[in-house]
N, C-alpha and C. Protein backbone atom coordinates (compact mmCIF):
# COMPACT_ATOMS: atom_id res chain seq x y z
N MET A 1 0.86 -1.17 0.00
CA MET A 1 0.00 0.00 0.00
C MET A 1 0.90 1.22 0.00
N SER A 2 0.76 2.06 -0.99
CA SER A 2 1.54 3.29 -1.01
C SER A 2 0.86 4.31 -0.11
N GLY A 3 1.63 5.30 0.31
CA GLY A 3 1.06 6.34 1.15
C GLY A 3 0.96 5.97 2.61
N ASP A 4 1.68 4.92 3.04
CA ASP A 4 1.62 4.51 4.44
C ASP A 4 2.44 5.40 5.35
N ASN A 5 3.28 6.28 4.77
CA ASN A 5 4.10 7.18 5.57
C ASN A 5 4.84 6.39 6.65
N VAL A 6 5.70 5.49 6.20
CA VAL A 6 6.41 4.56 7.07
C VAL A 6 7.60 5.25 7.72
N PRO A 7 7.76 5.12 9.04
CA PRO A 7 8.90 5.73 9.72
C PRO A 7 10.24 5.19 9.21
N THR A 8 11.26 5.99 9.34
CA THR A 8 12.60 5.62 8.93
C THR A 8 13.05 4.35 9.63
N GLY A 9 13.71 3.48 8.89
CA GLY A 9 14.24 2.24 9.45
C GLY A 9 13.37 1.03 9.23
N PHE A 10 12.12 1.23 8.83
CA PHE A 10 11.21 0.11 8.58
C PHE A 10 11.22 -0.23 7.10
N ASP A 11 11.22 -1.53 6.80
CA ASP A 11 11.11 -2.04 5.44
C ASP A 11 9.89 -2.92 5.34
N ARG A 12 9.32 -2.99 4.15
CA ARG A 12 8.15 -3.85 3.92
C ARG A 12 8.50 -5.28 4.29
N ALA A 13 7.64 -5.92 5.03
CA ALA A 13 7.87 -7.31 5.46
C ALA A 13 7.94 -8.22 4.25
N ARG A 14 8.81 -9.20 4.33
CA ARG A 14 8.99 -10.14 3.22
C ARG A 14 8.06 -11.34 3.32
N PHE A 15 7.46 -11.55 4.49
CA PHE A 15 6.52 -12.66 4.61
C PHE A 15 5.22 -12.27 3.93
N SER A 16 4.52 -13.27 3.43
CA SER A 16 3.29 -12.98 2.71
C SER A 16 2.40 -14.21 2.71
N SER A 17 1.13 -13.97 2.74
CA SER A 17 0.09 -14.97 2.53
C SER A 17 -1.14 -14.18 2.15
N PRO A 18 -2.14 -14.80 1.54
CA PRO A 18 -3.34 -14.03 1.20
C PRO A 18 -3.94 -13.31 2.42
N PHE A 19 -3.98 -13.99 3.57
CA PHE A 19 -4.55 -13.35 4.76
C PHE A 19 -3.69 -12.18 5.23
N LEU A 20 -2.38 -12.38 5.33
CA LEU A 20 -1.51 -11.30 5.81
C LEU A 20 -1.46 -10.14 4.83
N ASP A 21 -1.57 -10.43 3.53
CA ASP A 21 -1.63 -9.35 2.55
C ASP A 21 -2.88 -8.50 2.77
N MET A 22 -3.99 -9.14 3.10
CA MET A 22 -5.23 -8.42 3.36
C MET A 22 -5.16 -7.67 4.70
N ALA A 23 -4.56 -8.30 5.71
CA ALA A 23 -4.54 -7.72 7.05
C ALA A 23 -3.54 -6.58 7.18
N GLY A 24 -2.48 -6.58 6.41
CA GLY A 24 -1.40 -5.59 6.52
C GLY A 24 -1.68 -4.35 5.69
N PRO A 25 -0.62 -3.79 5.17
CA PRO A 25 0.74 -4.31 5.07
C PRO A 25 1.51 -4.14 6.37
N TYR A 26 2.51 -5.01 6.54
CA TYR A 26 3.38 -4.97 7.71
C TYR A 26 4.77 -4.51 7.31
N TYR A 27 5.43 -3.87 8.26
CA TYR A 27 6.80 -3.38 8.06
C TYR A 27 7.63 -3.83 9.24
N VAL A 28 8.92 -4.09 8.99
CA VAL A 28 9.79 -4.59 10.05
C VAL A 28 11.08 -3.78 10.13
N ARG A 29 11.65 -3.76 11.33
CA ARG A 29 12.99 -3.20 11.53
C ARG A 29 13.66 -3.98 12.65
N SER A 30 14.96 -4.10 12.57
CA SER A 30 15.72 -4.73 13.64
C SER A 30 16.04 -3.68 14.67
N ASP A 31 15.80 -4.01 15.93
CA ASP A 31 16.01 -3.09 17.04
C ASP A 31 16.79 -3.83 18.11
N GLU A 32 18.12 -3.67 18.11
CA GLU A 32 19.01 -4.40 19.01
C GLU A 32 18.84 -5.89 18.79
N ASP A 33 18.34 -6.63 19.78
CA ASP A 33 18.22 -8.08 19.64
C ASP A 33 16.79 -8.54 19.34
N ARG A 34 15.97 -7.64 18.85
CA ARG A 34 14.60 -8.03 18.53
C ARG A 34 14.13 -7.35 17.25
N ILE A 35 13.02 -7.86 16.77
CA ILE A 35 12.41 -7.33 15.56
C ILE A 35 11.17 -6.54 15.97
N VAL A 36 11.02 -5.36 15.40
CA VAL A 36 9.83 -4.53 15.63
C VAL A 36 8.97 -4.63 14.38
N VAL A 37 7.68 -4.89 14.56
CA VAL A 37 6.75 -4.96 13.43
C VAL A 37 5.79 -3.79 13.55
N GLY A 38 5.60 -3.06 12.46
CA GLY A 38 4.71 -1.91 12.46
C GLY A 38 3.72 -1.95 11.33
N THR A 39 2.65 -1.20 11.48
CA THR A 39 1.66 -1.04 10.42
C THR A 39 0.91 0.27 10.65
N ARG A 40 0.37 0.81 9.58
CA ARG A 40 -0.45 2.01 9.66
C ARG A 40 -1.91 1.57 9.57
N ILE A 41 -2.74 2.04 10.50
CA ILE A 41 -4.16 1.67 10.52
C ILE A 41 -4.87 2.36 9.35
N HIS A 42 -5.50 1.54 8.50
CA HIS A 42 -6.19 2.09 7.33
C HIS A 42 -7.70 1.87 7.41
N LYS A 43 -8.40 2.48 6.48
CA LYS A 43 -9.87 2.51 6.51
C LYS A 43 -10.51 1.13 6.60
N GLY A 44 -9.94 0.15 5.92
CA GLY A 44 -10.50 -1.20 5.93
C GLY A 44 -10.37 -1.91 7.27
N GLN A 45 -9.65 -1.34 8.21
CA GLN A 45 -9.45 -1.95 9.53
C GLN A 45 -10.29 -1.30 10.62
N ILE A 46 -11.09 -0.31 10.26
CA ILE A 46 -11.88 0.45 11.24
C ILE A 46 -13.23 -0.23 11.46
N ASN A 47 -13.66 -0.32 12.72
CA ASN A 47 -14.93 -0.96 13.05
C ASN A 47 -16.07 0.05 13.19
N HIS A 48 -17.20 -0.41 13.70
CA HIS A 48 -18.41 0.41 13.80
C HIS A 48 -18.32 1.54 14.84
N ILE A 49 -17.33 1.50 15.73
CA ILE A 49 -17.17 2.60 16.69
C ILE A 49 -15.98 3.49 16.32
N ASN A 50 -15.55 3.36 15.06
CA ASN A 50 -14.56 4.25 14.45
C ASN A 50 -13.15 4.12 15.04
N VAL A 51 -12.80 2.92 15.49
CA VAL A 51 -11.43 2.61 15.90
C VAL A 51 -11.02 1.30 15.22
N ALA A 52 -9.74 0.97 15.28
CA ALA A 52 -9.27 -0.28 14.67
C ALA A 52 -9.96 -1.47 15.33
N HIS A 53 -10.42 -2.40 14.52
CA HIS A 53 -11.04 -3.62 15.02
C HIS A 53 -10.02 -4.35 15.90
N GLY A 54 -10.49 -4.96 16.98
CA GLY A 54 -9.59 -5.68 17.87
C GLY A 54 -8.80 -6.77 17.18
N GLY A 55 -9.39 -7.37 16.15
CA GLY A 55 -8.70 -8.40 15.40
C GLY A 55 -7.46 -7.90 14.67
N VAL A 56 -7.45 -6.61 14.34
CA VAL A 56 -6.27 -6.01 13.69
C VAL A 56 -5.08 -6.07 14.65
N LEU A 57 -5.30 -5.64 15.89
CA LEU A 57 -4.22 -5.68 16.88
C LEU A 57 -3.89 -7.12 17.27
N GLY A 58 -4.90 -7.97 17.36
CA GLY A 58 -4.66 -9.38 17.67
C GLY A 58 -3.82 -10.07 16.61
N THR A 59 -4.10 -9.76 15.35
CA THR A 59 -3.30 -10.32 14.26
C THR A 59 -1.88 -9.78 14.29
N LEU A 60 -1.73 -8.48 14.53
CA LEU A 60 -0.40 -7.90 14.64
C LEU A 60 0.38 -8.57 15.78
N ALA A 61 -0.28 -8.83 16.90
CA ALA A 61 0.38 -9.51 18.02
C ALA A 61 0.90 -10.88 17.60
N ASP A 62 0.06 -11.67 16.95
CA ASP A 62 0.45 -13.01 16.52
C ASP A 62 1.59 -12.96 15.51
N VAL A 63 1.48 -12.04 14.55
CA VAL A 63 2.52 -11.88 13.52
C VAL A 63 3.85 -11.52 14.17
N ALA A 64 3.85 -10.53 15.04
CA ALA A 64 5.10 -10.05 15.63
C ALA A 64 5.73 -11.07 16.57
N LEU A 65 4.92 -11.69 17.41
CA LEU A 65 5.46 -12.68 18.34
C LEU A 65 6.02 -13.88 17.58
N SER A 66 5.29 -14.38 16.60
CA SER A 66 5.77 -15.54 15.84
C SER A 66 7.01 -15.21 15.02
N LEU A 67 7.07 -14.00 14.48
CA LEU A 67 8.25 -13.60 13.71
C LEU A 67 9.49 -13.56 14.59
N GLN A 68 9.34 -13.14 15.83
CA GLN A 68 10.48 -13.10 16.75
C GLN A 68 11.07 -14.50 16.93
N VAL A 69 10.21 -15.50 17.06
CA VAL A 69 10.69 -16.88 17.21
C VAL A 69 11.24 -17.40 15.88
N HIS A 70 10.53 -17.14 14.81
CA HIS A 70 10.94 -17.59 13.47
C HIS A 70 12.36 -17.14 13.14
N GLU A 71 12.71 -15.92 13.55
CA GLU A 71 14.02 -15.34 13.23
C GLU A 71 15.08 -15.63 14.29
N ALA A 72 14.76 -16.39 15.32
CA ALA A 72 15.68 -16.58 16.45
C ALA A 72 16.91 -17.42 16.10
N GLU A 73 16.81 -18.28 15.12
CA GLU A 73 17.92 -19.16 14.75
C GLU A 73 18.04 -19.25 13.23
N ARG A 74 19.20 -19.74 12.80
CA ARG A 74 19.40 -20.06 11.39
C ARG A 74 19.71 -21.54 11.31
N PRO A 75 19.06 -22.31 10.46
CA PRO A 75 18.00 -21.82 9.58
C PRO A 75 16.78 -21.36 10.38
N ARG A 76 15.96 -20.53 9.72
CA ARG A 76 14.78 -19.97 10.39
C ARG A 76 13.86 -21.09 10.87
N LEU A 77 13.15 -20.80 11.94
CA LEU A 77 12.32 -21.81 12.58
C LEU A 77 10.86 -21.71 12.13
N PRO A 78 10.30 -22.80 11.61
CA PRO A 78 8.86 -22.79 11.35
C PRO A 78 8.12 -22.93 12.69
N VAL A 79 7.09 -22.13 12.88
CA VAL A 79 6.37 -22.13 14.15
C VAL A 79 4.86 -22.18 13.92
N ALA A 80 4.15 -22.63 14.94
CA ALA A 80 2.69 -22.61 14.94
C ALA A 80 2.23 -22.10 16.30
N THR A 81 1.24 -21.23 16.29
CA THR A 81 0.72 -20.66 17.53
C THR A 81 -0.07 -21.71 18.29
N MET A 82 0.31 -21.94 19.54
CA MET A 82 -0.42 -22.85 20.42
C MET A 82 -1.38 -22.08 21.33
N ASN A 83 -0.96 -20.89 21.75
CA ASN A 83 -1.78 -20.07 22.64
C ASN A 83 -1.40 -18.61 22.44
N LEU A 84 -2.40 -17.74 22.43
CA LEU A 84 -2.17 -16.30 22.32
C LEU A 84 -3.09 -15.60 23.31
N ASN A 85 -2.50 -14.84 24.22
CA ASN A 85 -3.27 -14.04 25.19
C ASN A 85 -3.08 -12.57 24.86
N THR A 86 -4.18 -11.84 24.84
CA THR A 86 -4.11 -10.41 24.54
C THR A 86 -4.89 -9.63 25.59
N ASN A 87 -4.35 -8.47 25.93
CA ASN A 87 -5.01 -7.54 26.85
C ASN A 87 -5.13 -6.20 26.13
N TYR A 88 -6.35 -5.82 25.82
CA TYR A 88 -6.60 -4.56 25.12
C TYR A 88 -6.64 -3.43 26.14
N LEU A 89 -5.75 -2.45 25.97
CA LEU A 89 -5.64 -1.36 26.93
C LEU A 89 -6.13 -0.03 26.37
N ALA A 90 -6.00 0.16 25.06
CA ALA A 90 -6.44 1.40 24.40
C ALA A 90 -6.66 1.09 22.93
N ALA A 91 -7.37 1.98 22.26
CA ALA A 91 -7.72 1.76 20.85
C ALA A 91 -6.75 2.48 19.91
N ALA A 92 -6.61 1.91 18.72
CA ALA A 92 -5.89 2.58 17.64
C ALA A 92 -6.92 3.22 16.73
N LYS A 93 -6.56 4.36 16.17
CA LYS A 93 -7.47 5.12 15.31
C LYS A 93 -6.97 5.15 13.87
N LEU A 94 -7.84 5.53 12.98
CA LEU A 94 -7.50 5.65 11.57
C LEU A 94 -6.25 6.52 11.42
N GLY A 95 -5.28 6.01 10.68
CA GLY A 95 -4.05 6.74 10.42
C GLY A 95 -2.95 6.53 11.44
N ASP A 96 -3.25 5.89 12.57
CA ASP A 96 -2.22 5.66 13.59
C ASP A 96 -1.15 4.70 13.07
N TRP A 97 0.11 4.98 13.41
CA TRP A 97 1.21 4.05 13.18
C TRP A 97 1.38 3.27 14.48
N VAL A 98 1.24 1.95 14.42
CA VAL A 98 1.36 1.12 15.60
C VAL A 98 2.56 0.18 15.44
N GLU A 99 3.23 -0.10 16.56
CA GLU A 99 4.42 -0.95 16.55
C GLU A 99 4.30 -2.02 17.61
N ALA A 100 4.76 -3.23 17.26
CA ALA A 100 4.77 -4.35 18.19
C ALA A 100 6.21 -4.65 18.59
N TYR A 101 6.44 -4.69 19.90
CA TYR A 101 7.74 -5.03 20.48
C TYR A 101 7.59 -6.35 21.22
N CYS A 102 8.47 -7.31 20.94
CA CYS A 102 8.33 -8.65 21.50
C CYS A 102 9.66 -9.17 22.02
N LEU A 103 9.56 -10.06 22.99
CA LEU A 103 10.71 -10.75 23.56
C LEU A 103 10.43 -12.24 23.65
N ILE A 104 11.47 -13.03 23.47
CA ILE A 104 11.36 -14.46 23.75
C ILE A 104 11.72 -14.63 25.22
N ASP A 105 10.76 -15.07 26.01
CA ASP A 105 10.98 -15.24 27.44
C ASP A 105 11.68 -16.55 27.77
N ARG A 106 11.36 -17.59 27.00
CA ARG A 106 11.99 -18.90 27.18
C ARG A 106 11.82 -19.67 25.89
N MET A 107 12.86 -20.42 25.53
CA MET A 107 12.77 -21.21 24.31
C MET A 107 13.46 -22.54 24.53
N SER A 108 12.75 -23.61 24.23
CA SER A 108 13.33 -24.95 24.27
C SER A 108 13.41 -25.47 22.84
N LYS A 109 13.72 -26.72 22.70
CA LYS A 109 13.84 -27.30 21.35
C LYS A 109 12.49 -27.31 20.62
N ARG A 110 11.41 -27.46 21.37
CA ARG A 110 10.09 -27.62 20.75
C ARG A 110 9.09 -26.51 21.03
N THR A 111 9.39 -25.65 22.00
CA THR A 111 8.41 -24.65 22.43
C THR A 111 9.08 -23.32 22.71
N ALA A 112 8.38 -22.24 22.38
CA ALA A 112 8.86 -20.89 22.70
C ALA A 112 7.75 -20.13 23.42
N TYR A 113 8.15 -19.39 24.44
CA TYR A 113 7.24 -18.54 25.22
C TYR A 113 7.66 -17.10 24.99
N CYS A 114 6.71 -16.27 24.57
CA CYS A 114 7.03 -14.89 24.20
C CYS A 114 6.04 -13.93 24.86
N SER A 115 6.47 -12.68 24.95
CA SER A 115 5.58 -11.63 25.45
C SER A 115 5.91 -10.33 24.73
N GLY A 116 5.01 -9.39 24.83
CA GLY A 116 5.27 -8.12 24.17
C GLY A 116 4.18 -7.10 24.41
N ARG A 117 4.29 -6.03 23.64
CA ARG A 117 3.30 -4.96 23.72
C ARG A 117 3.18 -4.29 22.36
N ILE A 118 2.02 -3.73 22.12
CA ILE A 118 1.78 -2.92 20.92
C ILE A 118 1.56 -1.50 21.39
N VAL A 119 2.26 -0.58 20.74
CA VAL A 119 2.20 0.83 21.14
C VAL A 119 1.86 1.71 19.95
N CYS A 120 1.35 2.88 20.28
CA CYS A 120 1.17 3.98 19.33
C CYS A 120 1.79 5.19 20.01
N GLY A 121 3.00 5.55 19.57
CA GLY A 121 3.72 6.61 20.28
C GLY A 121 4.03 6.15 21.68
N ASP A 122 3.64 6.94 22.68
CA ASP A 122 3.88 6.58 24.08
C ASP A 122 2.75 5.76 24.69
N ALA A 123 1.65 5.59 23.96
CA ALA A 123 0.49 4.87 24.50
C ALA A 123 0.62 3.36 24.26
N VAL A 124 0.44 2.58 25.32
CA VAL A 124 0.42 1.13 25.18
C VAL A 124 -1.01 0.73 24.83
N LEU A 125 -1.19 0.09 23.67
CA LEU A 125 -2.51 -0.32 23.21
C LEU A 125 -2.85 -1.74 23.64
N MET A 126 -1.82 -2.60 23.72
CA MET A 126 -2.06 -4.00 24.03
C MET A 126 -0.81 -4.59 24.68
N THR A 127 -1.04 -5.50 25.61
CA THR A 127 0.03 -6.40 26.06
C THR A 127 -0.38 -7.79 25.61
N MET A 128 0.62 -8.64 25.38
CA MET A 128 0.30 -9.96 24.85
C MET A 128 1.36 -10.96 25.26
N SER A 129 0.96 -12.22 25.24
CA SER A 129 1.90 -13.32 25.45
C SER A 129 1.43 -14.49 24.60
N ALA A 130 2.38 -15.35 24.27
CA ALA A 130 2.04 -16.48 23.40
C ALA A 130 2.97 -17.64 23.66
N VAL A 131 2.49 -18.82 23.27
CA VAL A 131 3.29 -20.04 23.27
C VAL A 131 3.26 -20.57 21.84
N PHE A 132 4.44 -20.91 21.33
CA PHE A 132 4.56 -21.41 19.96
C PHE A 132 5.18 -22.79 19.95
N ALA A 133 4.65 -23.65 19.09
CA ALA A 133 5.29 -24.93 18.80
C ALA A 133 6.36 -24.65 17.75
N ILE A 134 7.55 -25.16 17.98
CA ILE A 134 8.63 -25.04 17.00
C ILE A 134 8.63 -26.34 16.20
N LEU A 135 8.40 -26.23 14.91
CA LEU A 135 8.20 -27.39 14.04
C LEU A 135 9.51 -27.82 13.39
N ARG A 136 10.46 -28.23 14.23
CA ARG A 136 11.77 -28.67 13.73
C ARG A 136 11.60 -29.99 12.98
N LYS A 137 12.44 -30.18 11.99
CA LYS A 137 12.37 -31.42 11.21
C LYS A 137 13.21 -32.50 11.84
């Protein structure tokens, strides 16, 4: 999507699927030892009360948390979400740039535990945690 007014340091995400193409676009940047995922809230993501639908932030949470695990090792790790917990703290509005910050709290050979937050500027919109199955061959 052109016209997203993407902040400096973010590049268009290379991952893609029909669902993620519809839900995004997503942008990524490396920030020290973690990946930050961002997106601009657009008209198609606004609900009946004129804020971003909760599913938009929930999807961003899943995308960002899973990407953190996926990129943790080389070769990259295929993962599947086993559990995702979200706490909605504030709403995102049309045109807002939102960013997801995530950490791997614990990782074993088969499972990863992650947590993070989604922010818009200084406002925390969501906190989240997840458990991922690591699908090693």
